[in-house]
Full PDB file with SEQRES, HELIX, SHEET, SSBOND, CRYST1, ORIGX, SCALE, CONECT and MASTER records, all heavy atoms in Angstrom:
SEQRES   1 A   33  ALA GLN TRP GLY LYS PRO GLY LEU ALA GLN PHE SER SER          
SEQRES   2 A   33  GLU ALA ALA GLY LYS ASP LEU GLY LEU LEU ILE ALA ARG          
SEQRES   3 A   33  ASP ARG LYS VAL ALA GLY ALA                                  
HELIX    1 AA1 GLY A    4  ALA A    9  1                                   6    
HELIX    2 AA2 SER A   13  ASP A   27  1                                  15    
CRYST1    1.000    1.000    1.000  90.00  90.00  90.00 P 1           1          
ORIGX1      1.000000  0.000000  0.000000        0.00000                         
ORIGX2      0.000000  1.000000  0.000000        0.00000                         
ORIGX3      0.000000  0.000000  1.000000        0.00000                         
SCALE1      1.000000  0.000000  0.000000        0.00000                         
SCALE2      0.000000  1.000000  0.000000        0.00000                         
SCALE3      0.000000  0.000000  1.000000        0.00000                         
ATOM      1  N   ALA A   1      -2.412 -12.264  21.459  1.00  0.00           N  
ATOM      2  CA  ALA A   1      -1.582 -12.767  20.504  1.00  0.00           C  
ATOM      3  C   ALA A   1      -1.832 -14.229  20.238  1.00  0.00           C  
ATOM      4  O   ALA A   1      -1.680 -14.724  19.096  1.00  0.00           O  
ATOM      5  CB  ALA A   1      -0.076 -12.612  20.972  1.00  0.00           C  
ATOM      6  N   GLN A   2      -2.394 -14.971  21.202  1.00  0.00           N  
ATOM      7  CA  GLN A   2      -2.661 -16.334  21.095  1.00  0.00           C  
ATOM      8  C   GLN A   2      -3.868 -16.522  20.255  1.00  0.00           C  
ATOM      9  O   GLN A   2      -4.059 -17.391  19.521  1.00  0.00           O  
ATOM     10  CB  GLN A   2      -2.821 -17.017  22.445  1.00  0.00           C  
ATOM     11  CG  GLN A   2      -3.253 -18.341  22.454  1.00  0.00           C  
ATOM     12  CD  GLN A   2      -3.541 -19.040  23.849  1.00  0.00           C  
ATOM     13  OE1 GLN A   2      -3.350 -18.430  24.872  1.00  0.00           O  
ATOM     14  NE2 GLN A   2      -3.960 -20.233  23.964  1.00  0.00           N  
ATOM     15  N   TRP A   3      -5.080 -15.702  20.573  1.00  0.00           N  
ATOM     16  CA  TRP A   3      -6.283 -15.982  20.041  1.00  0.00           C  
ATOM     17  C   TRP A   3      -6.720 -14.955  18.813  1.00  0.00           C  
ATOM     18  O   TRP A   3      -7.503 -15.170  18.123  1.00  0.00           O  
ATOM     19  CB  TRP A   3      -7.388 -15.900  21.050  1.00  0.00           C  
ATOM     20  CG  TRP A   3      -7.273 -16.996  22.016  1.00  0.00           C  
ATOM     21  CD1 TRP A   3      -6.569 -17.008  23.237  1.00  0.00           C  
ATOM     22  CD2 TRP A   3      -7.692 -18.297  21.866  1.00  0.00           C  
ATOM     23  NE1 TRP A   3      -6.734 -18.234  23.872  1.00  0.00           N  
ATOM     24  CE2 TRP A   3      -7.378 -19.023  23.123  1.00  0.00           C  
ATOM     25  CE3 TRP A   3      -8.430 -19.023  20.834  1.00  0.00           C  
ATOM     26  CZ2 TRP A   3      -7.793 -20.371  23.168  1.00  0.00           C  
ATOM     27  CZ3 TRP A   3      -8.787 -20.312  21.028  1.00  0.00           C  
ATOM     28  CH2 TRP A   3      -8.449 -21.027  22.170  1.00  0.00           C  
ATOM     29  N   GLY A   4      -5.996 -13.706  18.911  1.00  0.00           N  
ATOM     30  CA  GLY A   4      -6.403 -12.675  18.020  1.00  0.00           C  
ATOM     31  C   GLY A   4      -7.618 -11.938  18.647  1.00  0.00           C  
ATOM     32  O   GLY A   4      -8.379 -12.565  19.366  1.00  0.00           O  
ATOM     33  N   LYS A   5      -7.861 -10.840  18.257  1.00  0.00           N  
ATOM     34  CA  LYS A   5      -9.021 -10.106  18.807  1.00  0.00           C  
ATOM     35  C   LYS A   5     -10.350 -10.625  18.601  1.00  0.00           C  
ATOM     36  O   LYS A   5     -11.191 -10.865  19.405  1.00  0.00           O  
ATOM     37  CB  LYS A   5      -8.965  -8.506  18.306  1.00  0.00           C  
ATOM     38  CG  LYS A   5      -7.989  -7.736  19.087  1.00  0.00           C  
ATOM     39  CD  LYS A   5      -8.097  -6.267  18.669  1.00  0.00           C  
ATOM     40  CE  LYS A   5      -7.207  -5.333  19.396  1.00  0.00           C  
ATOM     41  NZ  LYS A   5      -7.279  -3.849  18.990  1.00  0.00           N  
ATOM     42  N   PRO A   6     -10.578 -11.123  17.310  1.00  0.00           N  
ATOM     43  CA  PRO A   6     -11.857 -11.742  16.968  1.00  0.00           C  
ATOM     44  C   PRO A   6     -12.035 -13.070  17.747  1.00  0.00           C  
ATOM     45  O   PRO A   6     -13.168 -13.351  18.229  1.00  0.00           O  
ATOM     46  CB  PRO A   6     -11.813 -12.046  15.454  1.00  0.00           C  
ATOM     47  CG  PRO A   6     -10.861 -11.086  14.994  1.00  0.00           C  
ATOM     48  CD  PRO A   6      -9.762 -10.960  16.094  1.00  0.00           C  
ATOM     49  N   GLY A   7     -10.899 -13.855  17.833  1.00  0.00           N  
ATOM     50  CA  GLY A   7     -11.026 -15.160  18.685  1.00  0.00           C  
ATOM     51  C   GLY A   7     -11.242 -14.858  20.194  1.00  0.00           C  
ATOM     52  O   GLY A   7     -12.134 -15.473  20.794  1.00  0.00           O  
ATOM     53  N   LEU A   8     -10.585 -13.873  20.665  1.00  0.00           N  
ATOM     54  CA  LEU A   8     -10.707 -13.568  22.214  1.00  0.00           C  
ATOM     55  C   LEU A   8     -12.116 -13.097  22.426  1.00  0.00           C  
ATOM     56  O   LEU A   8     -12.636 -13.331  23.578  1.00  0.00           O  
ATOM     57  CB  LEU A   8      -9.678 -12.502  22.572  1.00  0.00           C  
ATOM     58  CG  LEU A   8      -9.279 -12.471  24.020  1.00  0.00           C  
ATOM     59  CD1 LEU A   8      -8.853 -13.743  24.635  1.00  0.00           C  
ATOM     60  CD2 LEU A   8      -8.299 -11.322  24.206  1.00  0.00           C  
ATOM     61  N   ALA A   9     -12.781 -12.369  21.455  1.00  0.00           N  
ATOM     62  CA  ALA A   9     -13.985 -11.852  21.689  1.00  0.00           C  
ATOM     63  C   ALA A   9     -15.091 -12.992  21.754  1.00  0.00           C  
ATOM     64  O   ALA A   9     -16.224 -12.749  22.267  1.00  0.00           O  
ATOM     65  CB  ALA A   9     -14.483 -10.901  20.558  1.00  0.00           C  
ATOM     66  N   GLN A  10     -14.721 -14.194  21.265  1.00  0.00           N  
ATOM     67  CA  GLN A  10     -15.677 -15.342  21.463  1.00  0.00           C  
ATOM     68  C   GLN A  10     -15.827 -15.856  22.825  1.00  0.00           C  
ATOM     69  O   GLN A  10     -16.710 -16.746  23.047  1.00  0.00           O  
ATOM     70  CB  GLN A  10     -15.281 -16.401  20.349  1.00  0.00           C  
ATOM     71  CG  GLN A  10     -15.432 -16.011  18.961  1.00  0.00           C  
ATOM     72  CD  GLN A  10     -16.822 -15.608  18.641  1.00  0.00           C  
ATOM     73  OE1 GLN A  10     -17.731 -16.229  18.998  1.00  0.00           O  
ATOM     74  NE2 GLN A  10     -16.978 -14.472  17.782  1.00  0.00           N  
ATOM     75  N   PHE A  11     -14.987 -15.465  23.771  1.00  0.00           N  
ATOM     76  CA  PHE A  11     -15.045 -16.002  25.123  1.00  0.00           C  
ATOM     77  C   PHE A  11     -16.030 -15.048  25.831  1.00  0.00           C  
ATOM     78  O   PHE A  11     -15.722 -14.318  26.635  1.00  0.00           O  
ATOM     79  CB  PHE A  11     -13.758 -16.168  25.822  1.00  0.00           C  
ATOM     80  CG  PHE A  11     -12.782 -17.138  25.305  1.00  0.00           C  
ATOM     81  CD1 PHE A  11     -12.018 -16.886  24.045  1.00  0.00           C  
ATOM     82  CD2 PHE A  11     -12.733 -18.364  25.788  1.00  0.00           C  
ATOM     83  CE1 PHE A  11     -11.201 -17.879  23.557  1.00  0.00           C  
ATOM     84  CE2 PHE A  11     -11.970 -19.404  25.263  1.00  0.00           C  
ATOM     85  CZ  PHE A  11     -11.134 -19.166  24.179  1.00  0.00           C  
ATOM     86  N   SER A  12     -17.321 -15.278  25.527  1.00  0.00           N  
ATOM     87  CA  SER A  12     -18.307 -14.362  25.987  1.00  0.00           C  
ATOM     88  C   SER A  12     -19.641 -15.110  26.439  1.00  0.00           C  
ATOM     89  O   SER A  12     -19.792 -16.362  26.146  1.00  0.00           O  
ATOM     90  CB  SER A  12     -18.792 -13.478  24.736  1.00  0.00           C  
ATOM     91  OG  SER A  12     -19.340 -14.239  23.773  1.00  0.00           O  
ATOM     92  N   SER A  13     -20.520 -14.337  27.164  1.00  0.00           N  
ATOM     93  CA  SER A  13     -21.747 -14.978  27.528  1.00  0.00           C  
ATOM     94  C   SER A  13     -22.595 -15.452  26.248  1.00  0.00           C  
ATOM     95  O   SER A  13     -23.384 -16.363  26.277  1.00  0.00           O  
ATOM     96  CB  SER A  13     -22.610 -14.017  28.363  1.00  0.00           C  
ATOM     97  OG  SER A  13     -22.747 -12.786  27.707  1.00  0.00           O  
ATOM     98  N   GLU A  14     -22.459 -14.586  25.198  1.00  0.00           N  
ATOM     99  CA  GLU A  14     -23.241 -14.907  23.958  1.00  0.00           C  
ATOM    100  C   GLU A  14     -22.902 -16.317  23.454  1.00  0.00           C  
ATOM    101  O   GLU A  14     -23.753 -17.148  23.132  1.00  0.00           O  
ATOM    102  CB  GLU A  14     -22.929 -13.831  22.899  1.00  0.00           C  
ATOM    103  CG  GLU A  14     -23.838 -13.945  21.607  1.00  0.00           C  
ATOM    104  CD  GLU A  14     -25.136 -13.362  21.844  1.00  0.00           C  
ATOM    105  OE1 GLU A  14     -25.327 -12.502  22.737  1.00  0.00           O  
ATOM    106  OE2 GLU A  14     -25.999 -13.771  21.043  1.00  0.00           O  
ATOM    107  N   ALA A  15     -21.509 -16.595  23.297  1.00  0.00           N  
ATOM    108  CA  ALA A  15     -21.041 -17.809  22.765  1.00  0.00           C  
ATOM    109  C   ALA A  15     -21.402 -18.921  23.829  1.00  0.00           C  
ATOM    110  O   ALA A  15     -21.722 -20.085  23.399  1.00  0.00           O  
ATOM    111  CB  ALA A  15     -19.586 -17.757  22.498  1.00  0.00           C  
ATOM    112  N   ALA A  16     -21.256 -18.648  25.137  1.00  0.00           N  
ATOM    113  CA  ALA A  16     -21.462 -19.646  26.114  1.00  0.00           C  
ATOM    114  C   ALA A  16     -22.906 -20.038  26.193  1.00  0.00           C  
ATOM    115  O   ALA A  16     -23.109 -21.251  26.472  1.00  0.00           O  
ATOM    116  CB  ALA A  16     -21.064 -19.132  27.446  1.00  0.00           C  
ATOM    117  N   GLY A  17     -23.790 -19.128  25.921  1.00  0.00           N  
ATOM    118  CA  GLY A  17     -25.271 -19.555  25.709  1.00  0.00           C  
ATOM    119  C   GLY A  17     -25.519 -20.506  24.738  1.00  0.00           C  
ATOM    120  O   GLY A  17     -26.205 -21.485  24.927  1.00  0.00           O  
ATOM    121  N   LYS A  18     -24.867 -20.389  23.451  1.00  0.00           N  
ATOM    122  CA  LYS A  18     -24.972 -21.319  22.441  1.00  0.00           C  
ATOM    123  C   LYS A  18     -24.251 -22.605  22.758  1.00  0.00           C  
ATOM    124  O   LYS A  18     -24.695 -23.760  22.349  1.00  0.00           O  
ATOM    125  CB  LYS A  18     -24.384 -20.710  21.227  1.00  0.00           C  
ATOM    126  CG  LYS A  18     -25.189 -19.489  20.658  1.00  0.00           C  
ATOM    127  CD  LYS A  18     -24.500 -18.739  19.502  1.00  0.00           C  
ATOM    128  CE  LYS A  18     -25.317 -17.541  19.049  1.00  0.00           C  
ATOM    129  NZ  LYS A  18     -24.620 -16.755  17.977  1.00  0.00           N  
ATOM    130  N   ASP A  19     -23.195 -22.557  23.534  1.00  0.00           N  
ATOM    131  CA  ASP A  19     -22.544 -23.757  24.035  1.00  0.00           C  
ATOM    132  C   ASP A  19     -23.478 -24.683  24.782  1.00  0.00           C  
ATOM    133  O   ASP A  19     -23.527 -25.913  24.581  1.00  0.00           O  
ATOM    134  CB  ASP A  19     -21.304 -23.489  24.934  1.00  0.00           C  
ATOM    135  CG  ASP A  19     -20.149 -22.880  24.325  1.00  0.00           C  
ATOM    136  OD1 ASP A  19     -20.020 -22.845  23.014  1.00  0.00           O  
ATOM    137  OD2 ASP A  19     -19.316 -22.246  24.929  1.00  0.00           O  
ATOM    138  N   LEU A  20     -24.198 -23.980  25.601  1.00  0.00           N  
ATOM    139  CA  LEU A  20     -25.133 -24.730  26.543  1.00  0.00           C  
ATOM    140  C   LEU A  20     -26.221 -25.516  25.720  1.00  0.00           C  
ATOM    141  O   LEU A  20     -26.589 -26.625  26.007  1.00  0.00           O  
ATOM    142  CB  LEU A  20     -25.881 -23.869  27.564  1.00  0.00           C  
ATOM    143  CG  LEU A  20     -26.777 -24.480  28.583  1.00  0.00           C  
ATOM    144  CD1 LEU A  20     -26.073 -25.546  29.333  1.00  0.00           C  
ATOM    145  CD2 LEU A  20     -27.450 -23.413  29.390  1.00  0.00           C  
ATOM    146  N   GLY A  21     -26.729 -24.763  24.677  1.00  0.00           N  
ATOM    147  CA  GLY A  21     -27.650 -25.431  23.886  1.00  0.00           C  
ATOM    148  C   GLY A  21     -27.190 -26.645  23.173  1.00  0.00           C  
ATOM    149  O   GLY A  21     -27.908 -27.639  23.106  1.00  0.00           O  
ATOM    150  N   LEU A  22     -25.921 -26.485  22.682  1.00  0.00           N  
ATOM    151  CA  LEU A  22     -25.386 -27.716  22.093  1.00  0.00           C  
ATOM    152  C   LEU A  22     -25.153 -28.874  23.004  1.00  0.00           C  
ATOM    153  O   LEU A  22     -25.408 -30.007  22.717  1.00  0.00           O  
ATOM    154  CB  LEU A  22     -23.971 -27.331  21.398  1.00  0.00           C  
ATOM    155  CG  LEU A  22     -24.089 -26.491  20.139  1.00  0.00           C  
ATOM    156  CD1 LEU A  22     -22.727 -26.182  19.763  1.00  0.00           C  
ATOM    157  CD2 LEU A  22     -24.835 -27.066  19.043  1.00  0.00           C  
ATOM    158  N   LEU A  23     -24.757 -28.453  24.149  1.00  0.00           N  
ATOM    159  CA  LEU A  23     -24.543 -29.554  25.277  1.00  0.00           C  
ATOM    160  C   LEU A  23     -25.782 -30.242  25.586  1.00  0.00           C  
ATOM    161  O   LEU A  23     -25.853 -31.490  25.785  1.00  0.00           O  
ATOM    162  CB  LEU A  23     -23.898 -28.900  26.502  1.00  0.00           C  
ATOM    163  CG  LEU A  23     -22.444 -28.327  26.351  1.00  0.00           C  
ATOM    164  CD1 LEU A  23     -22.093 -27.708  27.760  1.00  0.00           C  
ATOM    165  CD2 LEU A  23     -21.479 -29.504  26.111  1.00  0.00           C  
ATOM    166  N   ILE A  24     -26.882 -29.614  25.795  1.00  0.00           N  
ATOM    167  CA  ILE A  24     -28.152 -30.120  26.175  1.00  0.00           C  
ATOM    168  C   ILE A  24     -28.733 -31.028  24.987  1.00  0.00           C  
ATOM    169  O   ILE A  24     -29.100 -32.152  25.215  1.00  0.00           O  
ATOM    170  CB  ILE A  24     -29.175 -29.035  26.560  1.00  0.00           C  
ATOM    171  CG1 ILE A  24     -28.747 -28.355  27.850  1.00  0.00           C  
ATOM    172  CG2 ILE A  24     -30.593 -29.664  26.575  1.00  0.00           C  
ATOM    173  CD1 ILE A  24     -29.627 -27.270  28.263  1.00  0.00           C  
ATOM    174  N   ALA A  25     -28.496 -30.486  23.730  1.00  0.00           N  
ATOM    175  CA  ALA A  25     -28.978 -31.263  22.594  1.00  0.00           C  
ATOM    176  C   ALA A  25     -28.184 -32.676  22.493  1.00  0.00           C  
ATOM    177  O   ALA A  25     -28.782 -33.660  22.282  1.00  0.00           O  
ATOM    178  CB  ALA A  25     -28.846 -30.501  21.340  1.00  0.00           C  
ATOM    179  N   ARG A  26     -26.931 -32.519  22.770  1.00  0.00           N  
ATOM    180  CA  ARG A  26     -25.983 -33.805  22.739  1.00  0.00           C  
ATOM    181  C   ARG A  26     -26.334 -34.699  23.916  1.00  0.00           C  
ATOM    182  O   ARG A  26     -26.353 -35.966  23.775  1.00  0.00           O  
ATOM    183  CB  ARG A  26     -24.598 -33.385  22.615  1.00  0.00           C  
ATOM    184  CG  ARG A  26     -24.236 -32.743  21.358  1.00  0.00           C  
ATOM    185  CD  ARG A  26     -22.781 -32.552  21.166  1.00  0.00           C  
ATOM    186  NE  ARG A  26     -22.050 -33.851  21.227  1.00  0.00           N  
ATOM    187  CZ  ARG A  26     -20.699 -34.094  20.917  1.00  0.00           C  
ATOM    188  NH1 ARG A  26     -19.994 -32.933  20.781  1.00  0.00           N  
ATOM    189  NH2 ARG A  26     -20.191 -35.196  20.995  1.00  0.00           N  
ATOM    190  N   ASP A  27     -26.614 -34.085  25.031  1.00  0.00           N  
ATOM    191  CA  ASP A  27     -26.892 -34.979  26.260  1.00  0.00           C  
ATOM    192  C   ASP A  27     -28.230 -35.729  26.031  1.00  0.00           C  
ATOM    193  O   ASP A  27     -28.250 -36.881  26.436  1.00  0.00           O  
ATOM    194  CB  ASP A  27     -27.085 -34.034  27.462  1.00  0.00           C  
ATOM    195  CG  ASP A  27     -27.467 -34.780  28.714  1.00  0.00           C  
ATOM    196  OD1 ASP A  27     -26.648 -35.484  29.281  1.00  0.00           O  
ATOM    197  OD2 ASP A  27     -28.650 -34.610  29.155  1.00  0.00           O  
ATOM    198  N   ARG A  28     -29.151 -35.175  25.313  1.00  0.00           N  
ATOM    199  CA  ARG A  28     -30.397 -35.915  25.126  1.00  0.00           C  
ATOM    200  C   ARG A  28     -30.258 -37.083  24.205  1.00  0.00           C  
ATOM    201  O   ARG A  28     -31.125 -37.966  24.023  1.00  0.00           O  
ATOM    202  CB  ARG A  28     -31.369 -34.932  24.482  1.00  0.00           C  
ATOM    203  CG  ARG A  28     -31.970 -33.934  25.567  1.00  0.00           C  
ATOM    204  CD  ARG A  28     -32.871 -32.896  24.807  1.00  0.00           C  
ATOM    205  NE  ARG A  28     -33.654 -32.142  26.001  1.00  0.00           N  
ATOM    206  CZ  ARG A  28     -34.307 -31.083  25.740  1.00  0.00           C  
ATOM    207  NH1 ARG A  28     -34.402 -30.672  24.553  1.00  0.00           N  
ATOM    208  NH2 ARG A  28     -34.957 -30.440  26.763  1.00  0.00           N  
ATOM    209  N   LYS A  29     -29.055 -37.102  23.425  1.00  0.00           N  
ATOM    210  CA  LYS A  29     -28.695 -38.213  22.634  1.00  0.00           C  
ATOM    211  C   LYS A  29     -28.109 -39.438  23.371  1.00  0.00           C  
ATOM    212  O   LYS A  29     -28.022 -40.456  22.730  1.00  0.00           O  
ATOM    213  CB  LYS A  29     -27.800 -37.846  21.445  1.00  0.00           C  
ATOM    214  CG  LYS A  29     -28.394 -36.789  20.491  1.00  0.00           C  
ATOM    215  CD  LYS A  29     -29.439 -37.433  19.642  1.00  0.00           C  
ATOM    216  CE  LYS A  29     -29.932 -36.580  18.536  1.00  0.00           C  
ATOM    217  NZ  LYS A  29     -30.937 -37.230  17.586  1.00  0.00           N  
ATOM    218  N   VAL A  30     -27.748 -39.268  24.656  1.00  0.00           N  
ATOM    219  CA  VAL A  30     -27.185 -40.267  25.382  1.00  0.00           C  
ATOM    220  C   VAL A  30     -28.262 -41.348  25.728  1.00  0.00           C  
ATOM    221  O   VAL A  30     -29.419 -40.959  26.054  1.00  0.00           O  
ATOM    222  CB  VAL A  30     -26.548 -39.694  26.761  1.00  0.00           C  
ATOM    223  CG1 VAL A  30     -26.146 -40.898  27.545  1.00  0.00           C  
ATOM    224  CG2 VAL A  30     -25.399 -38.746  26.348  1.00  0.00           C  
ATOM    225  N   ALA A  31     -27.940 -42.539  25.565  1.00  0.00           N  
ATOM    226  CA  ALA A  31     -28.862 -43.704  25.836  1.00  0.00           C  
ATOM    227  C   ALA A  31     -29.510 -43.557  27.266  1.00  0.00           C  
ATOM    228  O   ALA A  31     -28.711 -43.470  28.251  1.00  0.00           O  
ATOM    229  CB  ALA A  31     -28.271 -45.036  25.648  1.00  0.00           C  
ATOM    230  N   GLY A  32     -30.852 -43.533  27.351  1.00  0.00           N  
ATOM    231  CA  GLY A  32     -31.440 -43.632  28.597  1.00  0.00           C  
ATOM    232  C   GLY A  32     -31.485 -42.173  29.314  1.00  0.00           C  
ATOM    233  O   GLY A  32     -32.083 -41.988  30.420  1.00  0.00           O  
ATOM    234  N   ALA A  33     -30.986 -41.109  28.615  1.00  0.00           N  
ATOM    235  CA  ALA A  33     -30.999 -39.755  29.228  1.00  0.00           C  
ATOM    236  C   ALA A  33     -32.473 -39.275  29.301  1.00  0.00           C  
ATOM    237  O   ALA A  33     -33.292 -39.321  28.350  1.00  0.00           O  
ATOM    238  CB  ALA A  33     -30.152 -38.854  28.385  1.00  0.00           C  
TER     239      ALA A  33                                                      
MASTER        0    0    0    2    0    0    0    6  238    1    0    3          
END                                                                             
């Protein structure tokens, strides 16, 4: 009810893998990283 079926389906390893790519890309933008 909170997320809907499509939203709840996004809590997955597939989406988490893409999360990690974004985090690493943004981490590399930190000064001195």
